[in-house]
Amino acid sequence: MQNDPLVATVAPAAGATTTATTVGNGTTQIQATADGVAGSADLTVAQVATSVAVTPPAATLTAPGNTQQFSAEARDANDSTLATQPKCVSRI
């Protein structure tokens, strides 16, 4: 069995049964052969952001020149962190 390791890994790499573990977005192919006959299955990984958490959720600055750092984290439907993270922007 073979695949694109940037999309998914498989273990064990040989045998009648294997498990694919996602690594990144994309499409790969899981292949199997027996006695010179081949079969395959397409595997598509399409992780998308369903929420973005900004921390801290609120801040109050009391004097000119004060600063506050914020961070943002994108998460998917399973609450897993996405490899590609959002950019913080300000809206006034």
N, C-alpha and C. Protein backbone atom coordinates (compact mmCIF):
# COMPACT_ATOMS: atom_id res chain seq x y z
N MET A 1 0.85 -1.17 0.00
CA MET A 1 0.00 0.00 0.00
C MET A 1 0.89 1.23 0.00
N GLN A 2 0.49 2.27 -0.76
CA GLN A 2 1.29 3.48 -0.80
C GLN A 2 0.38 4.70 -0.80
N ASN A 3 0.96 5.83 -0.44
CA ASN A 3 0.18 7.05 -0.38
C ASN A 3 1.10 8.25 -0.39
N ASP A 4 0.52 9.44 -0.40
CA ASP A 4 1.27 10.69 -0.29
C ASP A 4 1.44 11.00 1.19
N PRO A 5 2.65 10.93 1.74
CA PRO A 5 2.85 11.13 3.17
C PRO A 5 2.56 12.55 3.65
N LEU A 6 2.38 13.51 2.73
CA LEU A 6 1.99 14.86 3.12
C LEU A 6 0.48 14.97 3.35
N VAL A 7 -0.27 13.97 2.90
CA VAL A 7 -1.73 13.94 3.09
C VAL A 7 -2.11 12.94 4.18
N ALA A 8 -1.53 11.74 4.13
CA ALA A 8 -1.85 10.71 5.12
C ALA A 8 -0.71 9.70 5.19
N THR A 9 -0.61 9.05 6.33
CA THR A 9 0.32 7.94 6.48
C THR A 9 -0.51 6.68 6.69
N VAL A 10 0.05 5.55 6.35
CA VAL A 10 -0.63 4.28 6.56
C VAL A 10 0.24 3.38 7.42
N ALA A 11 -0.42 2.63 8.28
CA ALA A 11 0.30 1.66 9.12
C ALA A 11 -0.63 0.51 9.44
N PRO A 12 -0.21 -0.70 9.30
CA PRO A 12 1.09 -1.07 8.73
C PRO A 12 1.11 -0.80 7.23
N ALA A 13 2.31 -0.68 6.67
CA ALA A 13 2.46 -0.37 5.25
C ALA A 13 2.19 -1.58 4.36
N ALA A 14 2.09 -2.76 4.93
CA ALA A 14 1.80 -3.97 4.16
C ALA A 14 0.83 -4.81 4.95
N GLY A 15 0.06 -5.63 4.25
CA GLY A 15 -0.91 -6.49 4.90
C GLY A 15 -2.30 -6.27 4.30
N ALA A 16 -3.24 -7.10 4.70
CA ALA A 16 -4.58 -7.01 4.15
C ALA A 16 -5.38 -5.84 4.72
N THR A 17 -4.99 -5.35 5.88
CA THR A 17 -5.69 -4.24 6.53
C THR A 17 -4.68 -3.19 6.95
N THR A 18 -5.03 -1.92 6.76
CA THR A 18 -4.15 -0.83 7.18
C THR A 18 -5.02 0.31 7.70
N THR A 19 -4.42 1.22 8.42
CA THR A 19 -5.13 2.39 8.93
C THR A 19 -4.44 3.63 8.39
N ALA A 20 -5.23 4.55 7.81
CA ALA A 20 -4.70 5.82 7.32
C ALA A 20 -4.89 6.88 8.40
N THR A 21 -3.84 7.65 8.64
CA THR A 21 -3.89 8.76 9.59
C THR A 21 -3.62 10.05 8.82
N THR A 22 -4.51 11.02 8.93
CA THR A 22 -4.37 12.26 8.16
C THR A 22 -3.20 13.09 8.67
N VAL A 23 -2.55 13.78 7.71
CA VAL A 23 -1.43 14.65 8.01
C VAL A 23 -1.75 16.08 7.55
N GLY A 24 -2.30 16.22 6.36
CA GLY A 24 -2.62 17.54 5.81
C GLY A 24 -3.66 17.43 4.73
N ASN A 25 -4.17 18.57 4.29
CA ASN A 25 -5.19 18.59 3.25
C ASN A 25 -4.63 18.11 1.91
N GLY A 26 -5.48 17.47 1.13
CA GLY A 26 -5.10 17.00 -0.19
C GLY A 26 -5.77 15.68 -0.51
N THR A 27 -5.34 15.08 -1.60
CA THR A 27 -5.87 13.79 -2.03
C THR A 27 -4.72 12.84 -2.25
N THR A 28 -4.91 11.62 -1.84
CA THR A 28 -3.91 10.58 -2.04
C THR A 28 -4.63 9.30 -2.44
N GLN A 29 -3.88 8.31 -2.77
CA GLN A 29 -4.47 7.04 -3.18
C GLN A 29 -3.86 5.92 -2.34
N ILE A 30 -4.73 5.09 -1.82
CA ILE A 30 -4.31 3.90 -1.09
C ILE A 30 -4.38 2.74 -2.10
N GLN A 31 -3.28 2.04 -2.26
CA GLN A 31 -3.21 0.98 -3.26
C GLN A 31 -2.90 -0.36 -2.62
N ALA A 32 -3.42 -1.40 -3.21
CA ALA A 32 -3.14 -2.76 -2.76
C ALA A 32 -2.94 -3.65 -3.98
N THR A 33 -2.08 -4.65 -3.85
CA THR A 33 -1.86 -5.61 -4.93
C THR A 33 -1.87 -7.02 -4.37
N ALA A 34 -2.29 -7.93 -5.20
CA ALA A 34 -2.25 -9.35 -4.85
C ALA A 34 -2.09 -10.15 -6.14
N ASP A 35 -1.06 -10.92 -6.21
CA ASP A 35 -0.79 -11.77 -7.38
C ASP A 35 -0.83 -10.98 -8.68
N GLY A 36 -0.27 -9.78 -8.69
CA GLY A 36 -0.19 -8.97 -9.90
C GLY A 36 -1.44 -8.19 -10.23
N VAL A 37 -2.48 -8.29 -9.41
CA VAL A 37 -3.72 -7.54 -9.63
C VAL A 37 -3.76 -6.40 -8.62
N ALA A 38 -4.12 -5.20 -9.08
CA ALA A 38 -4.11 -4.03 -8.20
C ALA A 38 -5.51 -3.47 -7.99
N GLY A 39 -5.68 -2.85 -6.85
CA GLY A 39 -6.91 -2.12 -6.54
C GLY A 39 -6.52 -0.86 -5.78
N SER A 40 -7.39 0.12 -5.76
CA SER A 40 -7.05 1.36 -5.07
C SER A 40 -8.30 2.05 -4.54
N ALA A 41 -8.07 2.96 -3.63
CA ALA A 41 -9.13 3.80 -3.08
C ALA A 41 -8.57 5.21 -2.94
N ASP A 42 -9.37 6.21 -3.31
CA ASP A 42 -8.96 7.60 -3.14
C ASP A 42 -9.29 8.05 -1.72
N LEU A 43 -8.39 8.82 -1.13
CA LEU A 43 -8.60 9.38 0.20
C LEU A 43 -8.40 10.89 0.09
N THR A 44 -9.43 11.65 0.42
CA THR A 44 -9.36 13.10 0.39
C THR A 44 -9.44 13.63 1.81
N VAL A 45 -8.52 14.51 2.16
CA VAL A 45 -8.51 15.17 3.47
C VAL A 45 -8.85 16.64 3.21
N ALA A 46 -9.93 17.11 3.82
CA ALA A 46 -10.40 18.49 3.60
C ALA A 46 -10.75 19.13 4.94
N GLN A 47 -9.74 19.40 5.74
CA GLN A 47 -9.95 20.04 7.03
C GLN A 47 -10.23 21.52 6.80
N VAL A 48 -11.34 22.01 7.34
CA VAL A 48 -11.70 23.41 7.19
C VAL A 48 -11.98 24.03 8.56
N ALA A 49 -11.75 25.31 8.65
CA ALA A 49 -12.00 26.02 9.91
C ALA A 49 -13.50 26.18 10.12
N THR A 50 -13.95 25.85 11.33
CA THR A 50 -15.34 26.08 11.71
C THR A 50 -15.44 27.10 12.83
N SER A 51 -14.30 27.43 13.46
CA SER A 51 -14.30 28.47 14.49
C SER A 51 -12.90 29.05 14.62
N VAL A 52 -12.87 30.26 15.14
CA VAL A 52 -11.61 30.92 15.45
C VAL A 52 -11.75 31.49 16.86
N ALA A 53 -10.86 31.10 17.74
CA ALA A 53 -10.86 31.60 19.11
C ALA A 53 -9.81 32.69 19.24
N VAL A 54 -10.21 33.84 19.76
CA VAL A 54 -9.29 34.95 20.00
C VAL A 54 -9.13 35.10 21.51
N THR A 55 -7.87 35.14 21.96
CA THR A 55 -7.62 35.29 23.39
C THR A 55 -6.67 36.46 23.61
N PRO A 56 -6.89 37.22 24.65
CA PRO A 56 -8.04 37.12 25.54
C PRO A 56 -9.31 37.57 24.82
N PRO A 57 -10.48 37.15 25.29
CA PRO A 57 -11.72 37.51 24.62
C PRO A 57 -12.11 38.98 24.79
N ALA A 58 -11.52 39.65 25.78
CA ALA A 58 -11.77 41.08 26.00
C ALA A 58 -10.58 41.68 26.74
N ALA A 59 -10.36 42.97 26.53
CA ALA A 59 -9.29 43.67 27.24
C ALA A 59 -9.70 45.13 27.44
N THR A 60 -9.27 45.70 28.54
CA THR A 60 -9.48 47.12 28.81
C THR A 60 -8.13 47.76 29.05
N LEU A 61 -7.82 48.77 28.26
CA LEU A 61 -6.57 49.51 28.43
C LEU A 61 -6.92 50.85 29.05
N THR A 62 -6.17 51.27 30.03
CA THR A 62 -6.56 52.43 30.83
C THR A 62 -5.78 53.70 30.57
N ALA A 63 -4.77 53.62 29.70
CA ALA A 63 -3.97 54.82 29.45
C ALA A 63 -3.38 54.78 28.05
N PRO A 64 -3.17 55.95 27.44
CA PRO A 64 -2.51 55.99 26.14
C PRO A 64 -1.14 55.29 26.22
N GLY A 65 -0.82 54.56 25.19
CA GLY A 65 0.46 53.88 25.14
C GLY A 65 0.44 52.47 25.71
N ASN A 66 -0.65 52.09 26.42
CA ASN A 66 -0.76 50.71 26.91
C ASN A 66 -0.88 49.77 25.71
N THR A 67 -0.43 48.55 25.89
CA THR A 67 -0.53 47.55 24.82
C THR A 67 -1.18 46.28 25.34
N GLN A 68 -1.70 45.50 24.43
CA GLN A 68 -2.30 44.21 24.76
C GLN A 68 -2.03 43.27 23.60
N GLN A 69 -1.49 42.11 23.87
CA GLN A 69 -1.25 41.11 22.85
C GLN A 69 -2.48 40.21 22.74
N PHE A 70 -2.87 39.87 21.51
CA PHE A 70 -3.97 38.95 21.24
C PHE A 70 -3.44 37.81 20.37
N SER A 71 -4.05 36.65 20.50
CA SER A 71 -3.70 35.53 19.62
C SER A 71 -4.98 34.89 19.12
N ALA A 72 -4.88 34.26 17.96
CA ALA A 72 -6.05 33.61 17.36
C ALA A 72 -5.68 32.18 16.98
N GLU A 73 -6.63 31.26 17.12
CA GLU A 73 -6.41 29.86 16.79
C GLU A 73 -7.62 29.34 16.03
N ALA A 74 -7.38 28.81 14.82
CA ALA A 74 -8.45 28.22 14.01
C ALA A 74 -8.63 26.76 14.38
N ARG A 75 -9.89 26.33 14.45
CA ARG A 75 -10.21 24.95 14.82
C ARG A 75 -11.23 24.38 13.84
N ASP A 76 -11.20 23.04 13.66
CA ASP A 76 -12.15 22.38 12.78
C ASP A 76 -13.35 21.87 13.57
N ALA A 77 -14.24 21.15 12.89
CA ALA A 77 -15.47 20.65 13.51
C ALA A 77 -15.21 19.69 14.66
N ASN A 78 -14.03 19.05 14.69
CA ASN A 78 -13.68 18.15 15.79
C ASN A 78 -12.89 18.85 16.88
N ASP A 79 -12.83 20.17 16.81
CA ASP A 79 -12.09 21.02 17.76
C ASP A 79 -10.58 20.79 17.69
N SER A 80 -10.09 20.34 16.54
CA SER A 80 -8.66 20.17 16.33
C SER A 80 -8.08 21.44 15.74
N THR A 81 -6.87 21.78 16.14
CA THR A 81 -6.20 22.97 15.63
C THR A 81 -5.79 22.76 14.18
N LEU A 82 -6.03 23.75 13.34
CA LEU A 82 -5.60 23.69 11.94
C LEU A 82 -4.14 24.05 11.81
N ALA A 83 -3.47 23.47 10.83
CA ALA A 83 -2.06 23.78 10.59
C ALA A 83 -1.90 25.23 10.13
N THR A 84 -2.83 25.71 9.31
CA THR A 84 -2.81 27.09 8.85
C THR A 84 -3.60 27.93 9.85
N GLN A 85 -2.94 28.90 10.42
CA GLN A 85 -3.58 29.72 11.44
C GLN A 85 -3.98 31.09 10.89
N PRO A 86 -5.02 31.69 11.50
CA PRO A 86 -5.51 32.99 11.03
C PRO A 86 -4.56 34.12 11.37
N LYS A 87 -4.79 35.24 10.72
CA LYS A 87 -4.05 36.46 11.03
C LYS A 87 -4.95 37.35 11.87
N CYS A 88 -4.37 37.98 12.87
CA CYS A 88 -5.13 38.93 13.69
C CYS A 88 -5.21 40.27 12.95
N VAL A 89 -6.39 40.82 12.89
CA VAL A 89 -6.60 42.15 12.30
C VAL A 89 -7.42 42.97 13.26
N SER A 90 -7.37 44.27 13.15
CA SER A 90 -8.16 45.11 14.06
C SER A 90 -9.33 45.72 13.30
N ARG A 91 -10.43 45.88 14.00
CA ARG A 91 -11.62 46.55 13.48
C ARG A 91 -11.99 47.61 14.50
N ILE A 92 -12.02 48.85 14.07
CA ILE A 92 -12.35 49.93 14.98
C ILE A 92 -13.65 50.58 14.54
